PDB file of N, CA and C in Angstrom:
ATOM      1  N   VAL A   1     -22.353  -3.138  -1.604  1.00  0.00           N
ATOM      2  CA  VAL A   1     -21.857  -1.725  -1.278  1.00  0.00           C
ATOM      3  C   VAL A   1     -20.509  -1.724  -0.810  1.00  0.00           C
ATOM      4  N   MET A   2     -19.625  -0.929  -1.271  1.00  0.00           N
ATOM      5  CA  MET A   2     -18.303  -0.936  -0.675  1.00  0.00           C
ATOM      6  C   MET A   2     -18.384  -0.055   0.570  1.00  0.00           C
ATOM      7  N   GLN A   3     -17.719  -0.641   1.585  1.00  0.00           N
ATOM      8  CA  GLN A   3     -17.693   0.255   2.936  1.00  0.00           C
ATOM      9  C   GLN A   3     -16.695   1.253   2.544  1.00  0.00           C
ATOM     10  N   ALA A   4     -16.736   2.533   3.428  1.00  0.00           N
ATOM     11  CA  ALA A   4     -15.804   3.492   3.228  1.00  0.00           C
ATOM     12  C   ALA A   4     -14.443   2.929   3.618  1.00  0.00           C
ATOM     13  N   LEU A   5     -13.390   3.488   2.987  1.00  0.00           N
ATOM     14  CA  LEU A   5     -12.093   3.184   3.320  1.00  0.00           C
ATOM     15  C   LEU A   5     -11.716   3.626   4.741  1.00  0.00           C
ATOM     16  N   PRO A   6     -10.999   2.981   5.499  1.00  0.00           N
ATOM     17  CA  PRO A   6     -10.774   3.409   6.833  1.00  0.00           C
ATOM     18  C   PRO A   6      -9.625   4.476   7.076  1.00  0.00           C
ATOM     19  N   PHE A   7      -9.164   4.881   5.959  1.00  0.00           N
ATOM     20  CA  PHE A   7      -8.181   5.889   5.971  1.00  0.00           C
ATOM     21  C   PHE A   7      -7.931   6.559   4.517  1.00  0.00           C
ATOM     22  N   HIS A   8      -7.285   7.822   4.616  1.00  0.00           N
ATOM     23  CA  HIS A   8      -7.192   8.519   3.513  1.00  0.00           C
ATOM     24  C   HIS A   8      -5.676   8.210   3.160  1.00  0.00           C
ATOM     25  N   LEU A   9      -5.280   7.918   1.773  1.00  0.00           N
ATOM     26  CA  LEU A   9      -3.954   8.006   1.201  1.00  0.00           C
ATOM     27  C   LEU A   9      -3.548   9.233   0.700  1.00  0.00           C
ATOM     28  N   PRO A  10      -2.899   9.939   1.315  1.00  0.00           N
ATOM     29  CA  PRO A  10      -2.543  11.245   0.897  1.00  0.00           C
ATOM     30  C   PRO A  10      -1.507  11.036  -0.253  1.00  0.00           C
ATOM     31  N   GLU A  11      -1.685  12.107  -1.373  1.00  0.00           N
ATOM     32  CA  GLU A  11      -1.073  12.077  -2.505  1.00  0.00           C
ATOM     33  C   GLU A  11      -0.046  13.171  -2.525  1.00  0.00           C
ATOM     34  N   PRO A  12       1.389  12.798  -2.794  1.00  0.00           N
ATOM     35  CA  PRO A  12       2.253  13.948  -2.748  1.00  0.00           C
ATOM     36  C   PRO A  12       2.111  14.903  -3.940  1.00  0.00           C
ATOM     37  N   HIS A  13       2.738  16.140  -3.687  1.00  0.00           N
ATOM     38  CA  HIS A  13       2.384  17.225  -4.749  1.00  0.00           C
ATOM     39  C   HIS A  13       3.132  17.182  -5.751  1.00  0.00           C
ATOM     40  N   SER A  14       4.460  16.706  -5.725  1.00  0.00           N
ATOM     41  CA  SER A  14       5.493  16.826  -6.833  1.00  0.00           C
ATOM     42  C   SER A  14       5.269  15.647  -7.624  1.00  0.00           C
ATOM     43  N   ASN A  15       5.300  16.099  -8.951  1.00  0.00           N
ATOM     44  CA  ASN A  15       5.132  15.215 -10.100  1.00  0.00           C
ATOM     45  C   ASN A  15       5.944  13.862  -9.961  1.00  0.00           C
ATOM     46  N   LEU A  16       7.217  13.888  -9.652  1.00  0.00           N
ATOM     47  CA  LEU A  16       8.130  12.816  -9.489  1.00  0.00           C
ATOM     48  C   LEU A  16       7.597  11.825  -8.497  1.00  0.00           C
ATOM     49  N   LEU A  17       7.149  12.159  -7.338  1.00  0.00           N
ATOM     50  CA  LEU A  17       6.567  11.287  -6.219  1.00  0.00           C
ATOM     51  C   LEU A  17       5.314  10.986  -6.689  1.00  0.00           C
ATOM     52  N   ARG A  18       4.489  11.729  -7.380  1.00  0.00           N
ATOM     53  CA  ARG A  18       3.104  11.324  -7.998  1.00  0.00           C
ATOM     54  C   ARG A  18       3.286   9.973  -8.994  1.00  0.00           C
ATOM     55  N   THR A  19       4.298  10.365  -9.634  1.00  0.00           N
ATOM     56  CA  THR A  19       4.482   9.214 -10.779  1.00  0.00           C
ATOM     57  C   THR A  19       5.034   7.990  -9.911  1.00  0.00           C
ATOM     58  N   LEU A  20       5.778   7.945  -8.913  1.00  0.00           N
ATOM     59  CA  LEU A  20       6.354   6.928  -8.210  1.00  0.00           C
ATOM     60  C   LEU A  20       5.030   6.295  -7.710  1.00  0.00           C
ATOM     61  N   CYS A  21       4.285   7.101  -6.826  1.00  0.00           N
ATOM     62  CA  CYS A  21       3.065   6.414  -6.255  1.00  0.00           C
ATOM     63  C   CYS A  21       1.974   5.673  -7.371  1.00  0.00           C
ATOM     64  N   LYS A  22       1.889   6.128  -8.371  1.00  0.00           N
ATOM     65  CA  LYS A  22       1.128   5.630  -9.547  1.00  0.00           C
ATOM     66  C   LYS A  22       1.706   4.225  -9.793  1.00  0.00           C
ATOM     67  N   GLN A  23       3.036   4.177  -9.885  1.00  0.00           N
ATOM     68  CA  GLN A  23       3.896   2.840 -10.250  1.00  0.00           C
ATOM     69  C   GLN A  23       3.505   1.975  -9.101  1.00  0.00           C
ATOM     70  N   ILE A  24       3.609   2.401  -8.008  1.00  0.00           N
ATOM     71  CA  ILE A  24       3.526   1.590  -6.740  1.00  0.00           C
ATOM     72  C   ILE A  24       2.041   0.932  -6.735  1.00  0.00           C
ATOM     73  N   GLY A  25       1.088   1.771  -7.086  1.00  0.00           N
ATOM     74  CA  GLY A  25      -0.332   1.425  -7.366  1.00  0.00           C
ATOM     75  C   GLY A  25      -0.576   0.357  -8.297  1.00  0.00           C
ATOM     76  N   GLU A  26       0.335   0.474  -9.383  1.00  0.00           N
ATOM     77  CA  GLU A  26       0.174  -0.587 -10.602  1.00  0.00           C
ATOM     78  C   GLU A  26       0.992  -1.785 -10.224  1.00  0.00           C
ATOM     79  N   GLU A  27       1.967  -1.928  -9.423  1.00  0.00           N
ATOM     80  CA  GLU A  27       2.616  -3.063  -9.099  1.00  0.00           C
ATOM     81  C   GLU A  27       2.740  -3.186  -7.472  1.00  0.00           C
ATOM     82  N   PRO A  28       1.597  -3.391  -6.800  1.00  0.00           N
ATOM     83  CA  PRO A  28       1.522  -3.524  -5.386  1.00  0.00           C
ATOM     84  C   PRO A  28       2.388  -4.742  -4.929  1.00  0.00           C
ATOM     85  N   ALA A  29       2.575  -5.776  -5.788  1.00  0.00           N
ATOM     86  CA  ALA A  29       3.342  -6.895  -5.149  1.00  0.00           C
ATOM     87  C   ALA A  29       4.755  -6.823  -5.171  1.00  0.00           C
ATOM     88  N   ARG A  30       5.403  -5.720  -5.921  1.00  0.00           N
ATOM     89  CA  ARG A  30       6.798  -5.629  -6.034  1.00  0.00           C
ATOM     90  C   ARG A  30       7.283  -4.946  -4.641  1.00  0.00           C
ATOM     91  N   GLU A  31       8.499  -5.465  -4.308  1.00  0.00           N
ATOM     92  CA  GLU A  31       8.967  -5.171  -3.062  1.00  0.00           C
ATOM     93  C   GLU A  31       9.645  -3.759  -2.969  1.00  0.00           C
ATOM     94  N   TRP A  32       8.771  -2.843  -2.728  1.00  0.00           N
ATOM     95  CA  TRP A  32       9.092  -1.445  -2.832  1.00  0.00           C
ATOM     96  C   TRP A  32       9.671  -1.002  -1.584  1.00  0.00           C
ATOM     97  N   THR A  33      11.143  -1.391  -1.555  1.00  0.00           N
ATOM     98  CA  THR A  33      12.175  -0.698  -0.660  1.00  0.00           C
ATOM     99  C   THR A  33      12.313   0.797  -0.827  1.00  0.00           C
ATOM    100  N   THR A  34      12.857   1.491   0.116  1.00  0.00           N
ATOM    101  CA  THR A  34      13.288   3.021   0.097  1.00  0.00           C
ATOM    102  C   THR A  34      14.409   2.960  -1.120  1.00  0.00           C
ATOM    103  N   ALA A  35      15.287   1.963  -1.036  1.00  0.00           N
ATOM    104  CA  ALA A  35      16.410   2.018  -1.974  1.00  0.00           C
ATOM    105  C   ALA A  35      15.902   2.020  -3.479  1.00  0.00           C
ATOM    106  N   LEU A  36      14.978   1.000  -3.688  1.00  0.00           N
ATOM    107  CA  LEU A  36      14.375   0.898  -4.945  1.00  0.00           C
ATOM    108  C   LEU A  36      13.612   2.195  -5.421  1.00  0.00           C
ATOM    109  N   ALA A  37      12.889   2.687  -4.639  1.00  0.00           N
ATOM    110  CA  ALA A  37      12.111   3.837  -4.752  1.00  0.00           C
ATOM    111  C   ALA A  37      13.168   5.188  -5.058  1.00  0.00           C
ATOM    112  N   ALA A  38      14.201   5.240  -4.282  1.00  0.00           N
ATOM    113  CA  ALA A  38      15.037   6.239  -4.490  1.00  0.00           C
ATOM    114  C   ALA A  38      15.764   6.094  -5.842  1.00  0.00           C
ATOM    115  N   SER A  39      16.051   4.936  -6.241  1.00  0.00           N
ATOM    116  CA  SER A  39      16.714   4.719  -7.511  1.00  0.00           C
ATOM    117  C   SER A  39      15.681   5.206  -8.785  1.00  0.00           C
ATOM    118  N   VAL A  40      14.443   4.670  -8.436  1.00  0.00           N
ATOM    119  CA  VAL A  40      13.591   4.881  -9.549  1.00  0.00           C
ATOM    120  C   VAL A  40      13.186   6.634  -9.636  1.00  0.00           C
ATOM    121  N   THR A  41      13.340   7.304  -8.650  1.00  0.00           N
ATOM    122  CA  THR A  41      13.193   8.698  -8.615  1.00  0.00           C
ATOM    123  C   THR A  41      14.429   9.491  -8.812  1.00  0.00           C
ATOM    124  N   ASN A  42      15.656   8.641  -8.944  1.00  0.00           N
ATOM    125  CA  ASN A  42      17.003   9.231  -8.842  1.00  0.00           C
ATOM    126  C   ASN A  42      17.362  10.232  -7.663  1.00  0.00           C
ATOM    127  N   MET A  43      16.803   9.779  -6.458  1.00  0.00           N
ATOM    128  CA  MET A  43      17.199  10.601  -5.288  1.00  0.00           C
ATOM    129  C   MET A  43      17.979   9.771  -4.284  1.00  0.00           C
ATOM    130  N   SER A  44      18.545  10.291  -3.441  1.00  0.00           N
ATOM    131  CA  SER A  44      19.038   9.562  -2.304  1.00  0.00           C
ATOM    132  C   SER A  44      17.994   9.088  -1.269  1.00  0.00           C
ATOM    133  N   GLU A  45      17.961   7.923  -0.842  1.00  0.00           N
ATOM    134  CA  GLU A  45      16.977   7.495   0.265  1.00  0.00           C
ATOM    135  C   GLU A  45      16.597   8.520   1.208  1.00  0.00           C
ATOM    136  N   ARG A  46      17.610   9.160   1.670  1.00  0.00           N
ATOM    137  CA  ARG A  46      17.245  10.262   2.781  1.00  0.00           C
ATOM    138  C   ARG A  46      16.391  11.388   2.083  1.00  0.00           C
ATOM    139  N   THR A  47      16.857  11.641   0.887  1.00  0.00           N
ATOM    140  CA  THR A  47      15.968  12.846   0.219  1.00  0.00           C
ATOM    141  C   THR A  47      14.469  12.261   0.062  1.00  0.00           C
ATOM    142  N   LEU A  48      14.373  11.040  -0.408  1.00  0.00           N
ATOM    143  CA  LEU A  48      13.081  10.489  -0.802  1.00  0.00           C
ATOM    144  C   LEU A  48      12.317  10.459   0.609  1.00  0.00           C
ATOM    145  N   ASN A  49      13.002   9.996   1.605  1.00  0.00           N
ATOM    146  CA  ASN A  49      12.086   9.936   2.929  1.00  0.00           C
ATOM    147  C   ASN A  49      11.633  11.315   3.294  1.00  0.00           C
ATOM    148  N   ARG A  50      12.541  12.379   3.190  1.00  0.00           N
ATOM    149  CA  ARG A  50      12.242  13.562   3.533  1.00  0.00           C
ATOM    150  C   ARG A  50      11.019  14.211   2.931  1.00  0.00           C
ATOM    151  N   HIS A  51      11.186  14.084   1.524  1.00  0.00           N
ATOM    152  CA  HIS A  51      10.015  14.661   0.627  1.00  0.00           C
ATOM    153  C   HIS A  51       8.753  13.820   0.880  1.00  0.00           C
ATOM    154  N   PHE A  52       8.795  12.508   1.106  1.00  0.00           N
ATOM    155  CA  PHE A  52       7.702  11.754   1.338  1.00  0.00           C
ATOM    156  C   PHE A  52       6.836  12.241   2.609  1.00  0.00           C
ATOM    157  N   GLN A  53       7.692  12.346   3.518  1.00  0.00           N
ATOM    158  CA  GLN A  53       7.145  12.655   4.935  1.00  0.00           C
ATOM    159  C   GLN A  53       6.536  14.336   4.847  1.00  0.00           C
ATOM    160  N   GLN A  54       7.397  15.185   4.092  1.00  0.00           N
ATOM    161  CA  GLN A  54       6.922  16.469   3.980  1.00  0.00           C
ATOM    162  C   GLN A  54       5.643  16.637   3.352  1.00  0.00           C
ATOM    163  N   GLN A  55       5.471  15.738   2.220  1.00  0.00           N
ATOM    164  CA  GLN A  55       4.269  16.023   1.200  1.00  0.00           C
ATOM    165  C   GLN A  55       3.148  15.134   1.417  1.00  0.00           C
ATOM    166  N   THR A  56       3.298  14.018   2.264  1.00  0.00           N
ATOM    167  CA  THR A  56       2.210  13.119   2.657  1.00  0.00           C
ATOM    168  C   THR A  56       2.057  13.046   3.981  1.00  0.00           C
ATOM    169  N   GLY A  57       2.879  13.352   4.956  1.00  0.00           N
ATOM    170  CA  GLY A  57       2.747  13.136   6.350  1.00  0.00           C
ATOM    171  C   GLY A  57       3.027  11.827   6.931  1.00  0.00           C
ATOM    172  N   LEU A  58       3.550  11.086   5.851  1.00  0.00           N
ATOM    173  CA  LEU A  58       3.748   9.540   6.153  1.00  0.00           C
ATOM    174  C   LEU A  58       5.153   9.282   5.633  1.00  0.00           C
ATOM    175  N   SER A  59       5.695   8.314   6.443  1.00  0.00           N
ATOM    176  CA  SER A  59       6.961   7.710   5.840  1.00  0.00           C
ATOM    177  C   SER A  59       6.643   7.067   4.505  1.00  0.00           C
ATOM    178  N   PHE A  60       7.704   6.700   3.728  1.00  0.00           N
ATOM    179  CA  PHE A  60       7.732   6.000   2.496  1.00  0.00           C
ATOM    180  C   PHE A  60       7.036   4.557   2.840  1.00  0.00           C
ATOM    181  N   GLY A  61       7.562   3.992   3.884  1.00  0.00           N
ATOM    182  CA  GLY A  61       7.130   2.465   4.203  1.00  0.00           C
ATOM    183  C   GLY A  61       5.714   2.440   4.595  1.00  0.00           C
ATOM    184  N   GLU A  62       5.318   3.510   5.255  1.00  0.00           N
ATOM    185  CA  GLU A  62       3.774   3.464   5.683  1.00  0.00           C
ATOM    186  C   GLU A  62       2.971   3.864   4.655  1.00  0.00           C
ATOM    187  N   TRP A  63       3.420   4.737   3.760  1.00  0.00           N
ATOM    188  CA  TRP A  63       2.605   4.903   2.546  1.00  0.00           C
ATOM    189  C   TRP A  63       2.340   3.713   1.767  1.00  0.00           C
ATOM    190  N   VAL A  64       3.566   2.794   1.462  1.00  0.00           N
ATOM    191  CA  VAL A  64       3.344   1.860   0.742  1.00  0.00           C
ATOM    192  C   VAL A  64       2.510   0.736   1.218  1.00  0.00           C
ATOM    193  N   ARG A  65       2.480   0.484   2.621  1.00  0.00           N
ATOM    194  CA  ARG A  65       1.677  -0.348   3.307  1.00  0.00           C
ATOM    195  C   ARG A  65       0.196   0.075   3.226  1.00  0.00           C
ATOM    196  N   ARG A  66      -0.046   1.236   3.304  1.00  0.00           N
ATOM    197  CA  ARG A  66      -1.382   1.760   3.188  1.00  0.00           C
ATOM    198  C   ARG A  66      -1.940   1.604   1.801  1.00  0.00           C
ATOM    199  N   ALA A  67      -1.008   1.840   0.742  1.00  0.00           N
ATOM    200  CA  ALA A  67      -1.464   1.798  -0.579  1.00  0.00           C
ATOM    201  C   ALA A  67      -1.683   0.327  -0.980  1.00  0.00           C
ATOM    202  N   ARG A  68      -0.977  -0.768  -0.392  1.00  0.00           N
ATOM    203  CA  ARG A  68      -1.173  -2.037  -0.665  1.00  0.00           C
ATOM    204  C   ARG A  68      -2.523  -2.780   0.123  1.00  0.00           C
ATOM    205  N   LEU A  69      -2.677  -1.770   1.168  1.00  0.00           N
ATOM    206  CA  LEU A  69      -3.940  -2.322   1.934  1.00  0.00           C
ATOM    207  C   LEU A  69      -5.202  -1.779   1.164  1.00  0.00           C
ATOM    208  N   MET A  70      -5.114  -0.663   0.558  1.00  0.00           N
ATOM    209  CA  MET A  70      -6.166   0.032  -0.107  1.00  0.00           C
ATOM    210  C   MET A  70      -6.428  -0.949  -1.395  1.00  0.00           C
ATOM    211  N   ALA A  71      -5.444  -1.340  -2.050  1.00  0.00           N
ATOM    212  CA  ALA A  71      -5.538  -2.087  -3.123  1.00  0.00           C
ATOM    213  C   ALA A  71      -6.157  -3.424  -2.817  1.00  0.00           C
ATOM    214  N   ALA A  72      -5.721  -3.962  -1.798  1.00  0.00           N
ATOM    215  CA  ALA A  72      -6.343  -5.201  -1.200  1.00  0.00           C
ATOM    216  C   ALA A  72      -7.807  -5.084  -0.824  1.00  0.00           C
ATOM    217  N   LEU A  73      -8.286  -3.936  -0.135  1.00  0.00           N
ATOM    218  CA  LEU A  73      -9.489  -3.809   0.154  1.00  0.00           C
ATOM    219  C   LEU A  73     -10.441  -3.733  -1.052  1.00  0.00           C
ATOM    220  N   MET A  74      -9.952  -3.093  -2.160  1.00  0.00           N
ATOM    221  CA  MET A  74     -10.755  -2.999  -3.419  1.00  0.00           C
ATOM    222  C   MET A  74     -11.005  -4.415  -4.045  1.00  0.00           C
ATOM    223  N   ARG A  75      -9.864  -5.158  -4.061  1.00  0.00           N
ATOM    224  CA  ARG A  75      -9.869  -6.519  -4.564  1.00  0.00           C
ATOM    225  C   ARG A  75     -11.076  -7.375  -3.857  1.00  0.00           C
ATOM    226  N   LEU A  76     -10.867  -7.278  -2.552  1.00  0.00           N
ATOM    227  CA  LEU A  76     -11.630  -7.973  -1.772  1.00  0.00           C
ATOM    228  C   LEU A  76     -13.055  -7.677  -1.856  1.00  0.00           C
ATOM    229  N   ALA A  77     -13.373  -6.440  -2.005  1.00  0.00           N
ATOM    230  CA  ALA A  77     -14.763  -5.831  -2.274  1.00  0.00           C
ATOM    231  C   ALA A  77     -15.346  -6.331  -3.675  1.00  0.00           C
ATOM    232  N   GLN A  78     -14.366  -6.663  -4.717  1.00  0.00           N
ATOM    233  CA  GLN A  78     -14.758  -7.160  -5.940  1.00  0.00           C
ATOM    234  C   GLN A  78     -15.055  -8.627  -5.791  1.00  0.00           C
ATOM    235  N   GLY A  79     -14.832  -9.367  -4.708  1.00  0.00           N
ATOM    236  CA  GLY A  79     -15.061 -10.663  -4.479  1.00  0.00           C
ATOM    237  C   GLY A  79     -13.864 -11.597  -4.607  1.00  0.00           C
ATOM    238  N   GLN A  80     -12.646 -11.003  -4.841  1.00  0.00           N
ATOM    239  CA  GLN A  80     -11.528 -11.732  -5.081  1.00  0.00           C
ATOM    240  C   GLN A  80     -11.088 -12.788  -3.790  1.00  0.00           C
ATOM    241  N   SER A  81     -10.504 -13.855  -3.833  1.00  0.00           N
ATOM    242  CA  SER A  81     -10.134 -14.661  -2.956  1.00  0.00           C
ATOM    243  C   SER A  81      -9.114 -14.046  -2.073  1.00  0.00           C
ATOM    244  N   VAL A  82      -9.033 -14.249  -0.691  1.00  0.00           N
ATOM    245  CA  VAL A  82      -7.996 -13.842   0.040  1.00  0.00           C
ATOM    246  C   VAL A  82      -6.472 -14.013  -0.344  1.00  0.00           C
ATOM    247  N   LEU A  83      -6.493 -15.354  -0.672  1.00  0.00           N
ATOM    248  CA  LEU A  83      -5.085 -15.849  -1.077  1.00  0.00           C
ATOM    249  C   LEU A  83      -4.849 -15.087  -2.446  1.00  0.00           C
ATOM    250  N   ARG A  84      -5.789 -14.872  -3.452  1.00  0.00           N
ATOM    251  CA  ARG A  84      -5.260 -14.296  -4.631  1.00  0.00           C
ATOM    252  C   ARG A  84      -4.888 -12.721  -4.257  1.00  0.00           C
ATOM    253  N   VAL A  85      -5.825 -12.069  -3.322  1.00  0.00           N
ATOM    254  CA  VAL A  85      -5.449 -10.736  -2.984  1.00  0.00           C
ATOM    255  C   VAL A  85      -4.217 -10.527  -2.207  1.00  0.00           C
ATOM    256  N   ALA A  86      -3.812 -11.683  -1.317  1.00  0.00           N
ATOM    257  CA  ALA A  86      -2.523 -11.603  -0.480  1.00  0.00           C
ATOM    258  C   ALA A  86      -1.267 -11.665  -1.443  1.00  0.00           C
ATOM    259  N   LEU A  87      -1.412 -12.648  -2.551  1.00  0.00           N
ATOM    260  CA  LEU A  87      -0.170 -12.770  -3.429  1.00  0.00           C
ATOM    261  C   LEU A  87      -0.194 -11.577  -4.297  1.00  0.00           C
ATOM    262  N   ASP A  88      -1.165 -10.890  -4.817  1.00  0.00           N
ATOM    263  CA  ASP A  88      -1.303  -9.736  -5.753  1.00  0.00           C
ATOM    264  C   ASP A  88      -0.802  -8.550  -5.110  1.00  0.00           C
ATOM    265  N   THR A  89      -0.750  -8.445  -3.794  1.00  0.00           N
ATOM    266  CA  THR A  89      -0.367  -7.176  -2.935  1.00  0.00           C
ATOM    267  C   THR A  89       0.944  -7.394  -2.357  1.00  0.00           C
ATOM    268  N   GLY A  90       1.584  -8.414  -2.640  1.00  0.00           N
ATOM    269  CA  GLY A  90       2.937  -8.555  -2.026  1.00  0.00           C
ATOM    270  C   GLY A  90       3.121  -9.459  -0.783  1.00  0.00           C
ATOM    271  N   TYR A  91       2.078 -10.077  -0.499  1.00  0.00           N
ATOM    272  CA  TYR A  91       2.154 -10.962   0.855  1.00  0.00           C
ATOM    273  C   TYR A  91       2.605 -12.369   0.338  1.00  0.00           C
ATOM    274  N   GLY A  92       3.492 -12.977   1.050  1.00  0.00           N
ATOM    275  CA  GLY A  92       3.952 -14.345   0.694  1.00  0.00           C
ATOM    276  C   GLY A  92       3.050 -15.475   0.932  1.00  0.00           C
ATOM    277  N   SER A  93       1.895 -15.257   1.792  1.00  0.00           N
ATOM    278  CA  SER A  93       1.004 -16.280   2.186  1.00  0.00           C
ATOM    279  C   SER A  93      -0.356 -15.663   2.538  1.00  0.00           C
ATOM    280  N   HIS A  94      -1.435 -16.495   2.699  1.00  0.00           N
ATOM    281  CA  HIS A  94      -2.731 -16.133   3.192  1.00  0.00           C
ATOM    282  C   HIS A  94      -2.614 -15.794   4.730  1.00  0.00           C
ATOM    283  N   SER A  95      -1.783 -16.326   5.440  1.00  0.00           N
ATOM    284  CA  SER A  95      -1.709 -15.955   6.763  1.00  0.00           C
ATOM    285  C   SER A  95      -0.886 -14.748   7.180  1.00  0.00           C
ATOM    286  N   ALA A  96       0.067 -14.432   6.305  1.00  0.00           N
ATOM    287  CA  ALA A  96       0.866 -13.245   6.621  1.00  0.00           C
ATOM    288  C   ALA A  96      -0.152 -11.996   6.329  1.00  0.00           C
ATOM    289  N   PHE A  97      -0.859 -12.075   5.164  1.00  0.00           N
ATOM    290  CA  PHE A  97      -1.833 -11.136   4.724  1.00  0.00           C
ATOM    291  C   PHE A  97      -2.923 -10.875   5.830  1.00  0.00           C
ATOM    292  N   THR A  98      -3.383 -12.142   6.427  1.00  0.00           N
ATOM    293  CA  THR A  98      -4.537 -11.803   7.177  1.00  0.00           C
ATOM    294  C   THR A  98      -4.087 -11.441   8.467  1.00  0.00           C
ATOM    295  N   ALA A  99      -2.926 -11.746   9.002  1.00  0.00           N
ATOM    296  CA  ALA A  99      -2.281 -11.027  10.072  1.00  0.00           C
ATOM    297  C   ALA A  99      -2.115  -9.631  10.064  1.00  0.00           C
ATOM    298  N   MET A 100      -1.611  -9.091   9.071  1.00  0.00           N
ATOM    299  CA  MET A 100      -1.327  -7.719   8.729  1.00  0.00           C
ATOM    300  C   MET A 100      -2.823  -7.080   8.734  1.00  0.00           C
ATOM    301  N   PHE A 101      -3.748  -7.588   8.003  1.00  0.00           N
ATOM    302  CA  PHE A 101      -5.209  -7.047   7.867  1.00  0.00           C
ATOM    303  C   PHE A 101      -5.823  -7.101   9.376  1.00  0.00           C
ATOM    304  N   ARG A 102      -5.728  -7.950  10.027  1.00  0.00           N
ATOM    305  CA  ARG A 102      -6.235  -8.081  11.370  1.00  0.00           C
ATOM    306  C   ARG A 102      -5.549  -6.989  12.311  1.00  0.00           C
ATOM    307  N   ARG A 103      -4.362  -6.871  11.963  1.00  0.00           N
ATOM    308  CA  ARG A 103      -3.504  -5.853  13.084  1.00  0.00           C
ATOM    309  C   ARG A 103      -4.039  -4.504  12.707  1.00  0.00           C
ATOM    310  N   VAL A 104      -4.190  -4.066  11.373  1.00  0.00           N
ATOM    311  CA  VAL A 104      -4.594  -2.778  10.864  1.00  0.00           C
ATOM    312  C   VAL A 104      -5.980  -2.468  11.161  1.00  0.00           C
ATOM    313  N   MET A 105      -6.707  -3.521  10.646  1.00  0.00           N
ATOM    314  CA  MET A 105      -8.247  -3.332  10.557  1.00  0.00           C
ATOM    315  C   MET A 105      -9.063  -3.728  11.845  1.00  0.00           C
ATOM    316  N   GLY A 106      -8.537  -4.573  12.662  1.00  0.00           N
ATOM    317  CA  GLY A 106      -9.159  -5.114  13.782  1.00  0.00           C
ATOM    318  C   GLY A 106     -10.077  -6.270  13.545  1.00  0.00           C
ATOM    319  N   VAL A 107     -10.049  -6.731  12.402  1.00  0.00           N
ATOM    320  CA  VAL A 107     -10.916  -8.006  12.056  1.00  0.00           C
ATOM    321  C   VAL A 107     -10.203  -8.805  10.879  1.00  0.00           C
ATOM    322  N   SER A 108     -10.627  -9.936  10.643  1.00  0.00           N
ATOM    323  CA  SER A 108     -10.102 -10.676   9.634  1.00  0.00           C
ATOM    324  C   SER A 108     -10.592 -10.301   8.250  1.00  0.00           C
ATOM    325  N   PRO A 109      -9.979 -10.408   7.046  1.00  0.00           N
ATOM    326  CA  PRO A 109     -10.643  -9.992   5.803  1.00  0.00           C
ATOM    327  C   PRO A 109     -11.990 -10.587   5.635  1.00  0.00           C
ATOM    328  N   SER A 110     -12.153 -11.740   5.877  1.00  0.00           N
ATOM    329  CA  SER A 110     -13.518 -12.379   5.541  1.00  0.00           C
ATOM    330  C   SER A 110     -14.664 -11.469   6.579  1.00  0.00           C
ATOM    331  N   ASP A 111     -14.332 -11.242   7.789  1.00  0.00           N
ATOM    332  CA  ASP A 111     -15.221 -10.564   8.735  1.00  0.00           C
ATOM    333  C   ASP A 111     -15.517  -9.161   8.417  1.00  0.00           C
ATOM    334  N   TYR A 112     -14.351  -8.400   7.794  1.00  0.00           N
ATOM    335  CA  TYR A 112     -14.542  -7.136   7.293  1.00  0.00           C
ATOM    336  C   TYR A 112     -15.645  -7.042   6.299  1.00  0.00           C
ATOM    337  N   PHE A 113     -15.770  -8.047   5.488  1.00  0.00           N
ATOM    338  CA  PHE A 113     -16.782  -7.813   4.255  1.00  0.00           C
ATOM    339  C   PHE A 113     -18.175  -8.487   4.650  1.00  0.00           C
ATOM    340  N   ARG A 114     -18.352  -8.737   5.925  1.00  0.00           N
ATOM    341  CA  ARG A 114     -19.624  -9.451   6.164  1.00  0.00           C
ATOM    342  C   ARG A 114     -20.645  -8.235   6.498  1.00  0.00           C
TER     343      ARG A 114
END
């Protein structure tokens, strides 16, 4: 049984930002910088950041981190290996992913699903 996710990932209301968020969800390993997202949406970085904050209550960077973590949690719940999940969600190594996971969740990925 999947544990409840530890947080909600707010969805922006504008179609442009929703499309961007969908793309991030489909490509969580891509390096989603503010500059890249701004060019994808044809906005300035400043405008992108302002709209993201207004519509989701989160900075763009924080939203991307949460989206990656949610993708990781779903994959781990399906039984995928920590290394595979780490690489598929944009982390360079098992240890980098585990450090982020422990910082955010308070436990290691393996302990979370015990």
